Amino acid sequence: MTRISPLKIAVVILVLINLSTFAFFFFMRPPHHREPPKQTIIDKLRFDSEQIEAYDLLITAHQSAIRIADERIREARNELYALLSADTSPERVDSAKWKISNIQYEIETIHFNHFLEIKRICKENQSPYFKDLTSELESLFNSALIKPA
């Protein structure tokens, strides 16, 4: 009968621990469901049904404006990267990069104005809730790389 060395036992135990950890993290944990920003904003600001309707209209307009700006920025990036295949002056490259940065500036303005419009549909008693929401905006949208709704 052969003797099993303590080293072999330790290796087997470590492999079993690793397999059980793997199983837990990939198979056993519940799926993480993140509440959409729209619902989070409605809940945090305690919107009534009339405010929700107004907010839905704001969302539609905001998404449309962002879609248009995103398309413009994609086109501007394509123009910039097309300059790689040509013998181009640094001024043209800088001009193309400035065009992209200007569109990005417009996108940030669209987002900011969207939240100003949300603030406008808040009632006076919701001001503290809006103030609390503004401290969470970055984490609310950046954590999942979601554009504001």
C-alpha atoms as a PDB file:
ATOM      1  CA  MET A   1       0.000   0.000   0.000  1.00  0.00           C
ATOM      2  CA  THR A   2       1.397   3.372  -0.992  1.00  0.00           C
ATOM      3  CA  ARG A   3       1.429   6.325   1.303  1.00  0.00           C
ATOM      4  CA  ILE A   4      -0.242   9.547   0.227  1.00  0.00           C
ATOM      5  CA  SER A   5       2.015  12.429   1.047  1.00  0.00           C
ATOM      6  CA  PRO A   6       0.675  15.498   2.857  1.00  0.00           C
ATOM      7  CA  LEU A   7       1.653  17.568  -0.190  1.00  0.00           C
ATOM      8  CA  LYS A   8      -0.660  15.549  -2.447  1.00  0.00           C
ATOM      9  CA  ILE A   9      -3.508  15.917   0.035  1.00  0.00           C
ATOM     10  CA  ALA A  10      -2.939  19.677   0.204  1.00  0.00           C
ATOM     11  CA  VAL A  11      -2.972  19.954  -3.598  1.00  0.00           C
ATOM     12  CA  VAL A  12      -6.242  18.025  -3.840  1.00  0.00           C
ATOM     13  CA  ILE A  13      -7.824  20.193  -1.136  1.00  0.00           C
ATOM     14  CA  LEU A  14      -6.687  23.392  -2.882  1.00  0.00           C
ATOM     15  CA  VAL A  15      -8.062  22.186  -6.225  1.00  0.00           C
ATOM     16  CA  LEU A  16     -11.416  21.413  -4.594  1.00  0.00           C
ATOM     17  CA  ILE A  17     -11.504  24.847  -2.957  1.00  0.00           C
ATOM     18  CA  ASN A  18     -10.731  26.506  -6.313  1.00  0.00           C
ATOM     19  CA  LEU A  19     -13.441  24.517  -8.086  1.00  0.00           C
ATOM     20  CA  SER A  20     -16.043  25.334  -5.448  1.00  0.00           C
ATOM     21  CA  THR A  21     -15.126  29.045  -5.600  1.00  0.00           C
ATOM     22  CA  PHE A  22     -15.415  28.968  -9.375  1.00  0.00           C
ATOM     23  CA  ALA A  23     -18.807  27.245  -9.158  1.00  0.00           C
ATOM     24  CA  PHE A  24     -20.072  29.780  -6.646  1.00  0.00           C
ATOM     25  CA  PHE A  25     -19.028  32.866  -8.611  1.00  0.00           C
ATOM     26  CA  PHE A  26     -20.180  31.646 -12.001  1.00  0.00           C
ATOM     27  CA  PHE A  27     -23.145  29.425 -11.310  1.00  0.00           C
ATOM     28  CA  MET A  28     -24.573  29.966  -7.849  1.00  0.00           C
ATOM     29  CA  ARG A  29     -24.774  33.722  -7.403  1.00  0.00           C
ATOM     30  CA  PRO A  30     -28.008  35.440  -8.328  1.00  0.00           C
ATOM     31  CA  PRO A  31     -27.954  37.600 -11.447  1.00  0.00           C
ATOM     32  CA  HIS A  32     -27.436  41.284 -10.775  1.00  0.00           C
ATOM     33  CA  HIS A  33     -30.400  43.247 -12.060  1.00  0.00           C
ATOM     34  CA  ARG A  34     -29.762  46.955 -12.273  1.00  0.00           C
ATOM     35  CA  GLU A  35     -32.779  49.204 -12.211  1.00  0.00           C
ATOM     36  CA  PRO A  36     -32.930  51.390 -15.341  1.00  0.00           C
ATOM     37  CA  PRO A  37     -31.979  55.069 -14.792  1.00  0.00           C
ATOM     38  CA  LYS A  38     -35.483  56.127 -15.820  1.00  0.00           C
ATOM     39  CA  GLN A  39     -37.138  54.209 -13.006  1.00  0.00           C
ATOM     40  CA  THR A  40     -34.448  55.231 -10.521  1.00  0.00           C
ATOM     41  CA  ILE A  41     -35.055  58.909 -11.320  1.00  0.00           C
ATOM     42  CA  ILE A  42     -38.824  58.493 -11.065  1.00  0.00           C
ATOM     43  CA  ASP A  43     -38.445  56.767  -7.705  1.00  0.00           C
ATOM     44  CA  LYS A  44     -35.877  59.160  -6.265  1.00  0.00           C
ATOM     45  CA  LEU A  45     -37.804  62.263  -7.308  1.00  0.00           C
ATOM     46  CA  ARG A  46     -41.128  60.701  -6.323  1.00  0.00           C
ATOM     47  CA  PHE A  47     -42.812  61.723  -9.550  1.00  0.00           C
ATOM     48  CA  ASP A  48     -46.585  61.535  -9.814  1.00  0.00           C
ATOM     49  CA  SER A  49     -48.310  60.218 -12.957  1.00  0.00           C
ATOM     50  CA  GLU A  50     -48.454  63.662 -14.580  1.00  0.00           C
ATOM     51  CA  GLN A  51     -44.745  64.198 -14.015  1.00  0.00           C
ATOM     52  CA  ILE A  52     -43.971  60.737 -15.373  1.00  0.00           C
ATOM     53  CA  GLU A  53     -45.794  61.613 -18.603  1.00  0.00           C
ATOM     54  CA  ALA A  54     -43.788  64.843 -18.907  1.00  0.00           C
ATOM     55  CA  TYR A  55     -40.600  62.916 -18.116  1.00  0.00           C
ATOM     56  CA  ASP A  56     -41.396  60.357 -20.833  1.00  0.00           C
ATOM     57  CA  LEU A  57     -41.607  63.199 -23.368  1.00  0.00           C
ATOM     58  CA  LEU A  58     -38.271  64.568 -22.143  1.00  0.00           C
ATOM     59  CA  ILE A  59     -36.704  61.137 -22.513  1.00  0.00           C
ATOM     60  CA  THR A  60     -37.925  60.791 -26.097  1.00  0.00           C
ATOM     61  CA  ALA A  61     -36.557  64.204 -27.077  1.00  0.00           C
ATOM     62  CA  HIS A  62     -33.289  63.571 -25.250  1.00  0.00           C
ATOM     63  CA  GLN A  63     -32.704  60.176 -26.845  1.00  0.00           C
ATOM     64  CA  SER A  64     -33.416  61.607 -30.288  1.00  0.00           C
ATOM     65  CA  ALA A  65     -30.961  64.475 -29.802  1.00  0.00           C
ATOM     66  CA  ILE A  66     -28.276  62.110 -28.480  1.00  0.00           C
ATOM     67  CA  ARG A  67     -28.793  59.672 -31.371  1.00  0.00           C
ATOM     68  CA  ILE A  68     -28.269  62.506 -33.878  1.00  0.00           C
ATOM     69  CA  ALA A  69     -25.173  63.765 -32.042  1.00  0.00           C
ATOM     70  CA  ASP A  70     -23.759  60.229 -31.770  1.00  0.00           C
ATOM     71  CA  GLU A  71     -24.162  59.769 -35.505  1.00  0.00           C
ATOM     72  CA  ARG A  72     -22.405  63.088 -36.146  1.00  0.00           C
ATOM     73  CA  ILE A  73     -19.537  62.106 -33.879  1.00  0.00           C
ATOM     74  CA  ARG A  74     -19.192  58.720 -35.652  1.00  0.00           C
ATOM     75  CA  GLU A  75     -19.029  60.509 -39.000  1.00  0.00           C
ATOM     76  CA  ALA A  76     -16.447  62.962 -37.646  1.00  0.00           C
ATOM     77  CA  ARG A  77     -14.323  60.090 -36.320  1.00  0.00           C
ATOM     78  CA  ASN A  78     -14.501  58.372 -39.694  1.00  0.00           C
ATOM     79  CA  GLU A  79     -13.308  61.601 -41.319  1.00  0.00           C
ATOM     80  CA  LEU A  80     -10.447  61.833 -38.823  1.00  0.00           C
ATOM     81  CA  TYR A  81      -9.300  58.260 -39.343  1.00  0.00           C
ATOM     82  CA  ALA A  82      -9.612  58.620 -43.117  1.00  0.00           C
ATOM     83  CA  LEU A  83      -6.823  61.177 -42.808  1.00  0.00           C
ATOM     84  CA  LEU A  84      -4.479  58.353 -41.785  1.00  0.00           C
ATOM     85  CA  SER A  85      -4.411  57.011 -45.341  1.00  0.00           C
ATOM     86  CA  ALA A  86      -3.553  60.382 -46.889  1.00  0.00           C
ATOM     87  CA  ASP A  87      -0.586  62.673 -46.611  1.00  0.00           C
ATOM     88  CA  THR A  88      -2.377  65.216 -44.464  1.00  0.00           C
ATOM     89  CA  SER A  89      -1.272  68.407 -42.841  1.00  0.00           C
ATOM     90  CA  PRO A  90      -1.310  68.599 -39.045  1.00  0.00           C
ATOM     91  CA  GLU A  91      -3.798  71.474 -39.357  1.00  0.00           C
ATOM     92  CA  ARG A  92      -6.365  69.221 -41.062  1.00  0.00           C
ATOM     93  CA  VAL A  93      -5.896  66.566 -38.385  1.00  0.00           C
ATOM     94  CA  ASP A  94      -6.297  69.166 -35.634  1.00  0.00           C
ATOM     95  CA  SER A  95      -9.379  70.530 -37.356  1.00  0.00           C
ATOM     96  CA  ALA A  96     -10.927  67.050 -37.489  1.00  0.00           C
ATOM     97  CA  LYS A  97     -10.157  66.478 -33.796  1.00  0.00           C
ATOM     98  CA  TRP A  98     -11.658  69.862 -32.892  1.00  0.00           C
ATOM     99  CA  LYS A  99     -14.807  68.918 -34.776  1.00  0.00           C
ATOM    100  CA  ILE A 100     -15.136  65.788 -32.644  1.00  0.00           C
ATOM    101  CA  SER A 101     -14.511  67.713 -29.434  1.00  0.00           C
ATOM    102  CA  ASN A 102     -17.144  70.302 -30.393  1.00  0.00           C
ATOM    103  CA  ILE A 103     -19.727  67.574 -30.961  1.00  0.00           C
ATOM    104  CA  GLN A 104     -18.800  66.005 -27.626  1.00  0.00           C
ATOM    105  CA  TYR A 105     -19.304  69.427 -26.040  1.00  0.00           C
ATOM    106  CA  GLU A 106     -22.775  69.511 -27.626  1.00  0.00           C
ATOM    107  CA  ILE A 107     -23.532  66.048 -26.213  1.00  0.00           C
ATOM    108  CA  GLU A 108     -22.601  67.155 -22.702  1.00  0.00           C
ATOM    109  CA  THR A 109     -24.778  70.235 -23.180  1.00  0.00           C
ATOM    110  CA  ILE A 110     -27.690  68.022 -24.271  1.00  0.00           C
ATOM    111  CA  HIS A 111     -27.274  65.880 -21.147  1.00  0.00           C
ATOM    112  CA  PHE A 112     -27.009  68.911 -18.857  1.00  0.00           C
ATOM    113  CA  ASN A 113     -30.060  70.578 -20.397  1.00  0.00           C
ATOM    114  CA  HIS A 114     -31.976  67.310 -20.063  1.00  0.00           C
ATOM    115  CA  PHE A 115     -31.470  67.411 -16.314  1.00  0.00           C
ATOM    116  CA  LEU A 116     -32.405  71.077 -16.178  1.00  0.00           C
ATOM    117  CA  GLU A 117     -35.677  70.108 -17.856  1.00  0.00           C
ATOM    118  CA  ILE A 118     -36.178  67.322 -15.322  1.00  0.00           C
ATOM    119  CA  LYS A 119     -35.586  69.868 -12.574  1.00  0.00           C
ATOM    120  CA  ARG A 120     -38.257  72.111 -14.126  1.00  0.00           C
ATOM    121  CA  ILE A 121     -40.923  69.409 -13.913  1.00  0.00           C
ATOM    122  CA  CYS A 122     -40.150  68.885 -10.218  1.00  0.00           C
ATOM    123  CA  LYS A 123     -42.460  70.437  -7.708  1.00  0.00           C
ATOM    124  CA  GLU A 124     -41.118  72.682  -4.982  1.00  0.00           C
ATOM    125  CA  ASN A 125     -41.238  69.929  -2.361  1.00  0.00           C
ATOM    126  CA  GLN A 126     -39.095  67.711  -4.631  1.00  0.00           C
ATOM    127  CA  SER A 127     -36.118  70.091  -4.633  1.00  0.00           C
ATOM    128  CA  PRO A 128     -34.264  68.189  -1.895  1.00  0.00           C
ATOM    129  CA  TYR A 129     -34.766  64.941  -3.814  1.00  0.00           C
ATOM    130  CA  PHE A 130     -33.379  66.516  -6.989  1.00  0.00           C
ATOM    131  CA  LYS A 131     -30.376  67.842  -5.064  1.00  0.00           C
ATOM    132  CA  ASP A 132     -29.709  64.341  -3.721  1.00  0.00           C
ATOM    133  CA  LEU A 133     -30.073  62.922  -7.224  1.00  0.00           C
ATOM    134  CA  THR A 134     -27.496  65.320  -8.675  1.00  0.00           C
ATOM    135  CA  SER A 135     -24.840  63.908  -6.356  1.00  0.00           C
ATOM    136  CA  GLU A 136     -25.534  60.441  -7.771  1.00  0.00           C
ATOM    137  CA  LEU A 137     -25.804  61.230 -11.492  1.00  0.00           C
ATOM    138  CA  GLU A 138     -22.299  60.215 -12.474  1.00  0.00           C
ATOM    139  CA  SER A 139     -22.478  56.853 -10.719  1.00  0.00           C
ATOM    140  CA  LEU A 140     -26.036  56.283 -11.928  1.00  0.00           C
ATOM    141  CA  PHE A 141     -25.034  56.450 -15.576  1.00  0.00           C
ATOM    142  CA  ASN A 142     -21.329  55.636 -15.661  1.00  0.00           C
ATOM    143  CA  SER A 143     -21.507  52.412 -13.660  1.00  0.00           C
ATOM    144  CA  ALA A 144     -23.274  50.620 -16.502  1.00  0.00           C
ATOM    145  CA  LEU A 145     -22.183  52.882 -19.312  1.00  0.00           C
ATOM    146  CA  ILE A 146     -25.789  53.834 -19.893  1.00  0.00           C
ATOM    147  CA  LYS A 147     -26.740  57.050 -21.485  1.00  0.00           C
ATOM    148  CA  PRO A 148     -29.236  59.125 -19.556  1.00  0.00           C
ATOM    149  CA  ALA A 149     -32.849  58.306 -20.148  1.00  0.00           C
END
